[in-house]
């Protein structure tokens, strides 16, 4: 196979992968607290490293016994999550919360503690503050937060302290836990706005400068305009690689015909 065809084909496959990521981002433009995904590309030069860690798509274009041929390969070196903050949207709901700054709410699931930026919370039948999946939001003590005091008004300050009641009868019933990590790329997406800490040695660290905003929700950090622009650019690149492959194929055919005439 001509080297140019291999390079162009591998790049085209990566643009197809990028389209999948863009489609996922577009589907979550309106998802509360959603964090967009991105891809990082790298050209691998021959001789290739061993197949360990290589993408399966490489073998679609190049047989394993030819992995040291004089070609290069466009690889996805990383699919990562962009953890930048989304825009704040005011809802005025007393159990809607947004973190203005870095950090994550902690929630308890059957599989263990998970983290989220989605502060669309509610009360369950046991008077616990839970997310929309019914998973309890945790306090600084690592326990579910129960609204035990009587009162119709729930207020939460910027530090996460929860008060029930009004005026002199207002009672502090606990504090919402929000934490951060030194390396956010070890947080693995699970769906429904939840993250799992995949690094067993990573420690939660307290968040000092982040403020909790009651009555607000954090929007997705991707926009339809940006993702549509990325999609158009990706489609054009894919079409360019297709044209390159076709051009190289035509040149090979012309060369073969010329050699045939000379012979």
C-alpha atoms as a PDB file:
ATOM      1  CA  UNK A   1       0.000   0.000   0.000  1.00  0.00           C
ATOM      2  CA  UNK A   2       1.328   3.457  -0.889  1.00  0.00           C
ATOM      3  CA  UNK A   3       2.612   5.353   2.156  1.00  0.00           C
ATOM      4  CA  UNK A   4       0.453   8.388   1.405  1.00  0.00           C
ATOM      5  CA  UNK A   5      -2.712   6.310   1.297  1.00  0.00           C
ATOM      6  CA  UNK A   6      -1.902   4.814   4.693  1.00  0.00           C
ATOM      7  CA  UNK A   7      -1.256   8.213   6.272  1.00  0.00           C
ATOM      8  CA  UNK A   8      -4.416   9.750   4.794  1.00  0.00           C
ATOM      9  CA  UNK A   9      -6.566   6.754   5.694  1.00  0.00           C
ATOM     10  CA  UNK A  10      -5.374   6.722   9.311  1.00  0.00           C
ATOM     11  CA  UNK A  11      -6.072  10.455   9.580  1.00  0.00           C
ATOM     12  CA  UNK A  12      -9.533   9.940   8.069  1.00  0.00           C
ATOM     13  CA  UNK A  13     -10.360   7.283  10.649  1.00  0.00           C
ATOM     14  CA  UNK A  14      -9.412   9.715  13.415  1.00  0.00           C
ATOM     15  CA  UNK A  15     -11.721  12.372  11.983  1.00  0.00           C
ATOM     16  CA  UNK A  16     -14.490   9.781  12.123  1.00  0.00           C
ATOM     17  CA  UNK A  17     -13.684   9.240  15.815  1.00  0.00           C
ATOM     18  CA  UNK A  18     -13.751  12.998  16.341  1.00  0.00           C
ATOM     19  CA  UNK A  19     -17.230  13.102  14.818  1.00  0.00           C
ATOM     20  CA  UNK A  20     -18.400  10.618  17.454  1.00  0.00           C
ATOM     21  CA  UNK A  21     -17.085  12.879  20.221  1.00  0.00           C
ATOM     22  CA  UNK A  22     -18.700  15.966  18.671  1.00  0.00           C
ATOM     23  CA  UNK A  23     -22.029  14.133  18.379  1.00  0.00           C
ATOM     24  CA  UNK A  24     -21.826  13.197  22.073  1.00  0.00           C
ATOM     25  CA  UNK A  25     -21.128  16.814  23.001  1.00  0.00           C
ATOM     26  CA  UNK A  26     -24.003  18.076  20.857  1.00  0.00           C
ATOM     27  CA  UNK A  27     -26.381  15.623  22.523  1.00  0.00           C
ATOM     28  CA  UNK A  28     -25.487  17.175  25.904  1.00  0.00           C
ATOM     29  CA  UNK A  29     -25.602  20.875  25.055  1.00  0.00           C
ATOM     30  CA  UNK A  30     -28.521  21.287  27.468  1.00  0.00           C
ATOM     31  CA  UNK A  31     -27.353  18.796  30.125  1.00  0.00           C
ATOM     32  CA  UNK A  32     -26.796  20.397  33.535  1.00  0.00           C
ATOM     33  CA  UNK A  33     -23.137  20.353  34.578  1.00  0.00           C
ATOM     34  CA  UNK A  34     -22.014  18.463  31.460  1.00  0.00           C
ATOM     35  CA  UNK A  35     -18.299  18.546  30.631  1.00  0.00           C
ATOM     36  CA  UNK A  36     -17.323  18.203  26.992  1.00  0.00           C
ATOM     37  CA  UNK A  37     -14.864  15.652  25.632  1.00  0.00           C
ATOM     38  CA  UNK A  38     -11.922  16.416  23.389  1.00  0.00           C
ATOM     39  CA  UNK A  39      -9.371  14.402  21.393  1.00  0.00           C
ATOM     40  CA  UNK A  40      -5.601  14.833  21.115  1.00  0.00           C
ATOM     41  CA  UNK A  41      -3.865  13.547  17.978  1.00  0.00           C
ATOM     42  CA  UNK A  42      -0.267  12.534  17.358  1.00  0.00           C
ATOM     43  CA  UNK A  43       1.688  11.237  14.379  1.00  0.00           C
ATOM     44  CA  UNK A  44       3.526   7.987  15.110  1.00  0.00           C
ATOM     45  CA  UNK A  45       6.660   7.506  13.023  1.00  0.00           C
ATOM     46  CA  UNK A  46       8.184   4.192  12.092  1.00  0.00           C
ATOM     47  CA  UNK A  47       9.390   1.946  13.456  1.00  0.00           C
ATOM     48  CA  UNK A  48       6.199   1.687  15.455  1.00  0.00           C
ATOM     49  CA  UNK A  49       6.429   0.658  19.078  1.00  0.00           C
ATOM     50  CA  UNK A  50       5.132  -2.798  19.895  1.00  0.00           C
ATOM     51  CA  UNK A  51       1.429  -3.400  19.404  1.00  0.00           C
ATOM     52  CA  UNK A  52       0.921  -3.045  23.130  1.00  0.00           C
ATOM     53  CA  UNK A  53      -1.166   0.069  23.623  1.00  0.00           C
ATOM     54  CA  UNK A  54      -1.724   0.639  19.917  1.00  0.00           C
ATOM     55  CA  UNK A  55      -5.188   1.303  18.598  1.00  0.00           C
ATOM     56  CA  UNK A  56      -7.030  -1.590  16.952  1.00  0.00           C
ATOM     57  CA  UNK A  57      -7.701   0.602  13.901  1.00  0.00           C
ATOM     58  CA  UNK A  58      -4.016   0.449  12.986  1.00  0.00           C
ATOM     59  CA  UNK A  59      -4.405  -3.195  12.048  1.00  0.00           C
ATOM     60  CA  UNK A  60      -7.291  -2.352   9.731  1.00  0.00           C
ATOM     61  CA  UNK A  61      -4.800  -0.557   7.514  1.00  0.00           C
ATOM     62  CA  UNK A  62      -1.500  -2.298   8.175  1.00  0.00           C
ATOM     63  CA  UNK A  63      -0.856  -5.949   8.861  1.00  0.00           C
ATOM     64  CA  UNK A  64       0.962  -6.690  12.088  1.00  0.00           C
ATOM     65  CA  UNK A  65       3.908  -8.322  10.308  1.00  0.00           C
ATOM     66  CA  UNK A  66       4.450  -5.057   8.419  1.00  0.00           C
ATOM     67  CA  UNK A  67       4.358  -2.753  11.411  1.00  0.00           C
ATOM     68  CA  UNK A  68       7.856  -1.488  10.676  1.00  0.00           C
ATOM     69  CA  UNK A  69       7.127  -0.494   7.090  1.00  0.00           C
ATOM     70  CA  UNK A  70       8.128   2.968   5.926  1.00  0.00           C
ATOM     71  CA  UNK A  71       4.894   4.704   6.921  1.00  0.00           C
ATOM     72  CA  UNK A  72       3.517   6.966   9.623  1.00  0.00           C
ATOM     73  CA  UNK A  73       0.259   6.695  11.483  1.00  0.00           C
ATOM     74  CA  UNK A  74      -2.123   9.287  12.944  1.00  0.00           C
ATOM     75  CA  UNK A  75      -3.186   8.118  16.391  1.00  0.00           C
ATOM     76  CA  UNK A  76      -5.515   9.375  19.099  1.00  0.00           C
ATOM     77  CA  UNK A  77      -3.148   9.834  22.004  1.00  0.00           C
ATOM     78  CA  UNK A  78      -5.815  10.934  24.437  1.00  0.00           C
ATOM     79  CA  UNK A  79      -9.527  11.449  24.847  1.00  0.00           C
ATOM     80  CA  UNK A  80      -9.911  13.851  27.708  1.00  0.00           C
ATOM     81  CA  UNK A  81     -12.636  15.803  29.460  1.00  0.00           C
ATOM     82  CA  UNK A  82     -12.659  19.578  29.501  1.00  0.00           C
ATOM     83  CA  UNK A  83     -13.533  20.480  33.099  1.00  0.00           C
ATOM     84  CA  UNK A  84     -13.908  24.223  32.615  1.00  0.00           C
ATOM     85  CA  UNK A  85     -16.954  25.788  34.248  1.00  0.00           C
ATOM     86  CA  UNK A  86     -20.184  26.268  32.314  1.00  0.00           C
ATOM     87  CA  UNK A  87     -22.467  29.289  32.505  1.00  0.00           C
ATOM     88  CA  UNK A  88     -24.659  29.836  35.555  1.00  0.00           C
ATOM     89  CA  UNK A  89     -28.423  29.726  35.069  1.00  0.00           C
ATOM     90  CA  UNK A  90     -30.729  31.165  37.729  1.00  0.00           C
ATOM     91  CA  UNK A  91     -33.705  28.959  38.641  1.00  0.00           C
ATOM     92  CA  UNK A  92     -34.635  30.343  42.101  1.00  0.00           C
ATOM     93  CA  UNK A  93     -35.300  26.776  43.276  1.00  0.00           C
ATOM     94  CA  UNK A  94     -34.007  26.400  46.830  1.00  0.00           C
ATOM     95  CA  UNK A  95     -32.510  22.956  46.144  1.00  0.00           C
ATOM     96  CA  UNK A  96     -30.794  23.915  42.897  1.00  0.00           C
ATOM     97  CA  UNK A  97     -27.098  24.515  43.570  1.00  0.00           C
ATOM     98  CA  UNK A  98     -24.090  25.454  41.472  1.00  0.00           C
ATOM     99  CA  UNK A  99     -20.412  25.617  42.341  1.00  0.00           C
ATOM    100  CA  UNK A 100     -18.848  28.890  41.259  1.00  0.00           C
ATOM    101  CA  UNK A 101     -15.259  27.735  40.937  1.00  0.00           C
ATOM    102  CA  UNK A 102     -13.491  24.357  40.905  1.00  0.00           C
ATOM    103  CA  UNK A 103     -14.841  21.361  42.776  1.00  0.00           C
ATOM    104  CA  UNK A 104     -17.521  18.681  42.798  1.00  0.00           C
ATOM    105  CA  UNK A 105     -20.457  17.646  44.930  1.00  0.00           C
ATOM    106  CA  UNK A 106     -20.101  14.207  46.515  1.00  0.00           C
ATOM    107  CA  UNK A 107     -22.962  11.735  46.187  1.00  0.00           C
ATOM    108  CA  UNK A 108     -23.413   8.242  47.568  1.00  0.00           C
ATOM    109  CA  UNK A 109     -24.221   5.420  45.126  1.00  0.00           C
ATOM    110  CA  UNK A 110     -24.464   1.646  45.442  1.00  0.00           C
ATOM    111  CA  UNK A 111     -21.008   1.465  43.845  1.00  0.00           C
ATOM    112  CA  UNK A 112     -19.457   4.004  46.209  1.00  0.00           C
ATOM    113  CA  UNK A 113     -18.842   7.753  46.287  1.00  0.00           C
ATOM    114  CA  UNK A 114     -19.204   9.570  42.986  1.00  0.00           C
ATOM    115  CA  UNK A 115     -18.686  13.220  42.050  1.00  0.00           C
ATOM    116  CA  UNK A 116     -20.801  15.642  40.050  1.00  0.00           C
ATOM    117  CA  UNK A 117     -21.220  19.267  38.993  1.00  0.00           C
ATOM    118  CA  UNK A 118     -24.939  18.743  38.480  1.00  0.00           C
ATOM    119  CA  UNK A 119     -26.609  20.428  41.441  1.00  0.00           C
ATOM    120  CA  UNK A 120     -30.220  19.732  40.408  1.00  0.00           C
ATOM    121  CA  UNK A 121     -31.218  18.279  43.789  1.00  0.00           C
ATOM    122  CA  UNK A 122     -34.497  17.445  45.537  1.00  0.00           C
ATOM    123  CA  UNK A 123     -35.831  15.903  48.764  1.00  0.00           C
ATOM    124  CA  UNK A 124     -36.774  12.225  48.832  1.00  0.00           C
ATOM    125  CA  UNK A 125     -39.445  10.671  51.027  1.00  0.00           C
ATOM    126  CA  UNK A 126     -36.906  10.317  53.853  1.00  0.00           C
ATOM    127  CA  UNK A 127     -36.208  14.076  53.756  1.00  0.00           C
ATOM    128  CA  UNK A 128     -32.727  13.497  52.358  1.00  0.00           C
ATOM    129  CA  UNK A 129     -31.211  15.831  49.775  1.00  0.00           C
ATOM    130  CA  UNK A 130     -30.673  13.655  46.710  1.00  0.00           C
ATOM    131  CA  UNK A 131     -29.917  14.040  42.999  1.00  0.00           C
ATOM    132  CA  UNK A 132     -32.462  13.227  40.320  1.00  0.00           C
ATOM    133  CA  UNK A 133     -31.430   9.546  40.487  1.00  0.00           C
ATOM    134  CA  UNK A 134     -32.289   9.450  44.186  1.00  0.00           C
ATOM    135  CA  UNK A 135     -28.634   9.238  45.275  1.00  0.00           C
ATOM    136  CA  UNK A 136     -27.930  11.086  48.544  1.00  0.00           C
ATOM    137  CA  UNK A 137     -25.795  14.213  48.531  1.00  0.00           C
ATOM    138  CA  UNK A 138     -23.098  13.949  51.216  1.00  0.00           C
ATOM    139  CA  UNK A 139     -22.240  16.278  54.051  1.00  0.00           C
ATOM    140  CA  UNK A 140     -18.710  17.129  55.164  1.00  0.00           C
ATOM    141  CA  UNK A 141     -18.980  14.162  57.528  1.00  0.00           C
ATOM    142  CA  UNK A 142     -19.646  11.868  54.564  1.00  0.00           C
ATOM    143  CA  UNK A 143     -23.255  11.256  55.579  1.00  0.00           C
ATOM    144  CA  UNK A 144     -26.575  11.878  53.767  1.00  0.00           C
ATOM    145  CA  UNK A 145     -28.052  15.290  54.570  1.00  0.00           C
ATOM    146  CA  UNK A 146     -31.435  15.011  56.256  1.00  0.00           C
ATOM    147  CA  UNK A 147     -33.731  18.005  56.715  1.00  0.00           C
ATOM    148  CA  UNK A 148     -34.706  17.264  60.314  1.00  0.00           C
ATOM    149  CA  UNK A 149     -35.751  20.700  61.525  1.00  0.00           C
ATOM    150  CA  UNK A 150     -39.256  21.944  60.882  1.00  0.00           C
ATOM    151  CA  UNK A 151     -39.585  24.880  58.539  1.00  0.00           C
ATOM    152  CA  UNK A 152     -40.612  25.743  55.049  1.00  0.00           C
ATOM    153  CA  UNK A 153     -37.541  27.744  54.102  1.00  0.00           C
ATOM    154  CA  UNK A 154     -34.180  26.176  53.206  1.00  0.00           C
ATOM    155  CA  UNK A 155     -31.245  28.526  52.722  1.00  0.00           C
ATOM    156  CA  UNK A 156     -27.663  27.611  51.864  1.00  0.00           C
ATOM    157  CA  UNK A 157     -24.756  30.010  52.129  1.00  0.00           C
ATOM    158  CA  UNK A 158     -21.726  30.237  49.884  1.00  0.00           C
ATOM    159  CA  UNK A 159     -19.780  27.790  52.051  1.00  0.00           C
ATOM    160  CA  UNK A 160     -22.425  25.077  51.849  1.00  0.00           C
ATOM    161  CA  UNK A 161     -23.944  25.582  55.307  1.00  0.00           C
ATOM    162  CA  UNK A 162     -27.619  24.604  55.303  1.00  0.00           C
ATOM    163  CA  UNK A 163     -30.180  26.516  57.349  1.00  0.00           C
ATOM    164  CA  UNK A 164     -33.816  25.537  57.808  1.00  0.00           C
ATOM    165  CA  UNK A 165     -36.421  28.003  59.003  1.00  0.00           C
ATOM    166  CA  UNK A 166     -36.311  31.783  59.061  1.00  0.00           C
ATOM    167  CA  UNK A 167     -35.285  34.523  61.412  1.00  0.00           C
ATOM    168  CA  UNK A 168     -34.419  33.519  64.971  1.00  0.00           C
ATOM    169  CA  UNK A 169     -35.808  30.035  64.379  1.00  0.00           C
ATOM    170  CA  UNK A 170     -33.301  29.321  61.612  1.00  0.00           C
ATOM    171  CA  UNK A 171     -31.292  26.186  62.403  1.00  0.00           C
ATOM    172  CA  UNK A 172     -27.985  25.057  60.896  1.00  0.00           C
ATOM    173  CA  UNK A 173     -28.466  21.370  60.077  1.00  0.00           C
ATOM    174  CA  UNK A 174     -25.200  20.620  58.281  1.00  0.00           C
ATOM    175  CA  UNK A 175     -22.797  21.501  55.535  1.00  0.00           C
ATOM    176  CA  UNK A 176     -22.653  20.231  51.972  1.00  0.00           C
ATOM    177  CA  UNK A 177     -19.375  18.619  50.981  1.00  0.00           C
ATOM    178  CA  UNK A 178     -17.612  19.774  47.846  1.00  0.00           C
ATOM    179  CA  UNK A 179     -14.096  18.679  46.977  1.00  0.00           C
ATOM    180  CA  UNK A 180     -11.542  18.872  44.186  1.00  0.00           C
ATOM    181  CA  UNK A 181      -8.593  16.862  42.848  1.00  0.00           C
ATOM    182  CA  UNK A 182      -5.113  17.839  41.693  1.00  0.00           C
ATOM    183  CA  UNK A 183      -5.476  15.850  38.479  1.00  0.00           C
ATOM    184  CA  UNK A 184      -8.998  16.039  37.079  1.00  0.00           C
ATOM    185  CA  UNK A 185      -8.134  13.736  34.183  1.00  0.00           C
ATOM    186  CA  UNK A 186      -8.234  10.776  36.556  1.00  0.00           C
ATOM    187  CA  UNK A 187     -11.975  11.406  36.919  1.00  0.00           C
ATOM    188  CA  UNK A 188     -13.789   8.931  34.694  1.00  0.00           C
ATOM    189  CA  UNK A 189     -17.178   9.783  33.198  1.00  0.00           C
ATOM    190  CA  UNK A 190     -19.999   7.432  34.142  1.00  0.00           C
ATOM    191  CA  UNK A 191     -23.039   9.152  32.628  1.00  0.00           C
ATOM    192  CA  UNK A 192     -25.831  11.132  34.300  1.00  0.00           C
ATOM    193  CA  UNK A 193     -23.260  13.804  35.150  1.00  0.00           C
ATOM    194  CA  UNK A 194     -21.347  11.518  37.525  1.00  0.00           C
ATOM    195  CA  UNK A 195     -17.593  10.987  37.744  1.00  0.00           C
ATOM    196  CA  UNK A 196     -15.602   8.141  39.285  1.00  0.00           C
ATOM    197  CA  UNK A 197     -12.126   8.683  40.712  1.00  0.00           C
ATOM    198  CA  UNK A 198     -10.104   6.021  38.878  1.00  0.00           C
ATOM    199  CA  UNK A 199      -6.872   6.783  40.732  1.00  0.00           C
ATOM    200  CA  UNK A 200      -7.048   4.895  44.023  1.00  0.00           C
ATOM    201  CA  UNK A 201      -4.198   6.999  45.417  1.00  0.00           C
ATOM    202  CA  UNK A 202      -5.796  10.353  44.585  1.00  0.00           C
ATOM    203  CA  UNK A 203      -6.941  12.225  47.668  1.00  0.00           C
ATOM    204  CA  UNK A 204      -9.855  14.592  47.893  1.00  0.00           C
ATOM    205  CA  UNK A 205      -8.724  18.092  48.690  1.00  0.00           C
ATOM    206  CA  UNK A 206     -10.813  20.846  50.261  1.00  0.00           C
ATOM    207  CA  UNK A 207     -12.041  23.709  48.106  1.00  0.00           C
ATOM    208  CA  UNK A 208     -11.310  27.113  49.578  1.00  0.00           C
ATOM    209  CA  UNK A 209     -12.148  29.694  46.939  1.00  0.00           C
ATOM    210  CA  UNK A 210     -15.266  28.080  45.456  1.00  0.00           C
ATOM    211  CA  UNK A 211     -18.660  29.484  46.424  1.00  0.00           C
ATOM    212  CA  UNK A 212     -21.952  27.613  46.355  1.00  0.00           C
ATOM    213  CA  UNK A 213     -24.762  29.514  44.656  1.00  0.00           C
ATOM    214  CA  UNK A 214     -28.242  28.499  45.759  1.00  0.00           C
ATOM    215  CA  UNK A 215     -31.007  28.837  43.195  1.00  0.00           C
ATOM    216  CA  UNK A 216     -28.613  28.394  40.278  1.00  0.00           C
ATOM    217  CA  UNK A 217     -27.589  25.518  38.014  1.00  0.00           C
ATOM    218  CA  UNK A 218     -24.405  25.210  36.014  1.00  0.00           C
ATOM    219  CA  UNK A 219     -25.062  24.726  32.317  1.00  0.00           C
ATOM    220  CA  UNK A 220     -23.116  22.530  29.926  1.00  0.00           C
ATOM    221  CA  UNK A 221     -19.665  23.846  29.014  1.00  0.00           C
ATOM    222  CA  UNK A 222     -20.217  23.043  25.331  1.00  0.00           C
ATOM    223  CA  UNK A 223     -22.269  25.157  22.953  1.00  0.00           C
ATOM    224  CA  UNK A 224     -24.139  24.149  19.824  1.00  0.00           C
ATOM    225  CA  UNK A 225     -22.369  26.886  17.847  1.00  0.00           C
ATOM    226  CA  UNK A 226     -18.872  25.692  18.754  1.00  0.00           C
ATOM    227  CA  UNK A 227     -19.663  22.024  18.196  1.00  0.00           C
ATOM    228  CA  UNK A 228     -21.345  22.668  14.840  1.00  0.00           C
ATOM    229  CA  UNK A 229     -18.282  24.662  13.781  1.00  0.00           C
ATOM    230  CA  UNK A 230     -16.073  21.751  14.843  1.00  0.00           C
ATOM    231  CA  UNK A 231     -18.308  19.350  12.940  1.00  0.00           C
ATOM    232  CA  UNK A 232     -18.101  21.359   9.704  1.00  0.00           C
ATOM    233  CA  UNK A 233     -14.311  21.563  10.021  1.00  0.00           C
ATOM    234  CA  UNK A 234     -14.069  17.826  10.709  1.00  0.00           C
ATOM    235  CA  UNK A 235     -16.265  16.904   7.734  1.00  0.00           C
ATOM    236  CA  UNK A 236     -14.142  19.068   5.457  1.00  0.00           C
ATOM    237  CA  UNK A 237     -10.954  17.424   6.713  1.00  0.00           C
ATOM    238  CA  UNK A 238     -12.469  13.981   6.192  1.00  0.00           C
ATOM    239  CA  UNK A 239     -13.402  14.906   2.617  1.00  0.00           C
ATOM    240  CA  UNK A 240      -9.868  16.220   2.052  1.00  0.00           C
ATOM    241  CA  UNK A 241      -8.349  12.908   3.127  1.00  0.00           C
ATOM    242  CA  UNK A 242     -10.740  11.083   0.827  1.00  0.00           C
ATOM    243  CA  UNK A 243      -9.581  13.242  -2.094  1.00  0.00           C
ATOM    244  CA  UNK A 244      -5.934  12.604  -1.214  1.00  0.00           C
ATOM    245  CA  UNK A 245      -6.516   8.859  -1.231  1.00  0.00           C
ATOM    246  CA  UNK A 246      -8.321   9.089  -4.569  1.00  0.00           C
ATOM    247  CA  UNK A 247      -5.548  11.223  -6.076  1.00  0.00           C
ATOM    248  CA  UNK A 248      -2.829   8.823  -4.953  1.00  0.00           C
ATOM    249  CA  UNK A 249      -4.819   5.887  -6.257  1.00  0.00           C
ATOM    250  CA  UNK A 250      -5.212   7.621  -9.635  1.00  0.00           C
ATOM    251  CA  UNK A 251      -1.476   8.339  -9.804  1.00  0.00           C
ATOM    252  CA  UNK A 252      -0.684   4.703  -9.012  1.00  0.00           C
ATOM    253  CA  UNK A 253      -3.033   3.582 -11.759  1.00  0.00           C
ATOM    254  CA  UNK A 254      -1.479   5.991 -14.263  1.00  0.00           C
ATOM    255  CA  UNK A 255       2.013   4.782 -13.309  1.00  0.00           C
ATOM    256  CA  UNK A 256       0.995   1.157 -13.793  1.00  0.00           C
ATOM    257  CA  UNK A 257      -0.488   1.960 -17.195  1.00  0.00           C
ATOM    258  CA  UNK A 258       2.661   3.829 -18.250  1.00  0.00           C
ATOM    259  CA  UNK A 259       4.878   0.920 -17.220  1.00  0.00           C
ATOM    260  CA  UNK A 260       2.615  -1.418 -19.143  1.00  0.00           C
ATOM    261  CA  UNK A 261       2.942   0.655 -22.305  1.00  0.00           C
ATOM    262  CA  UNK A 262       6.726   0.837 -21.976  1.00  0.00           C
ATOM    263  CA  UNK A 263       6.914  -2.932 -21.527  1.00  0.00           C
END
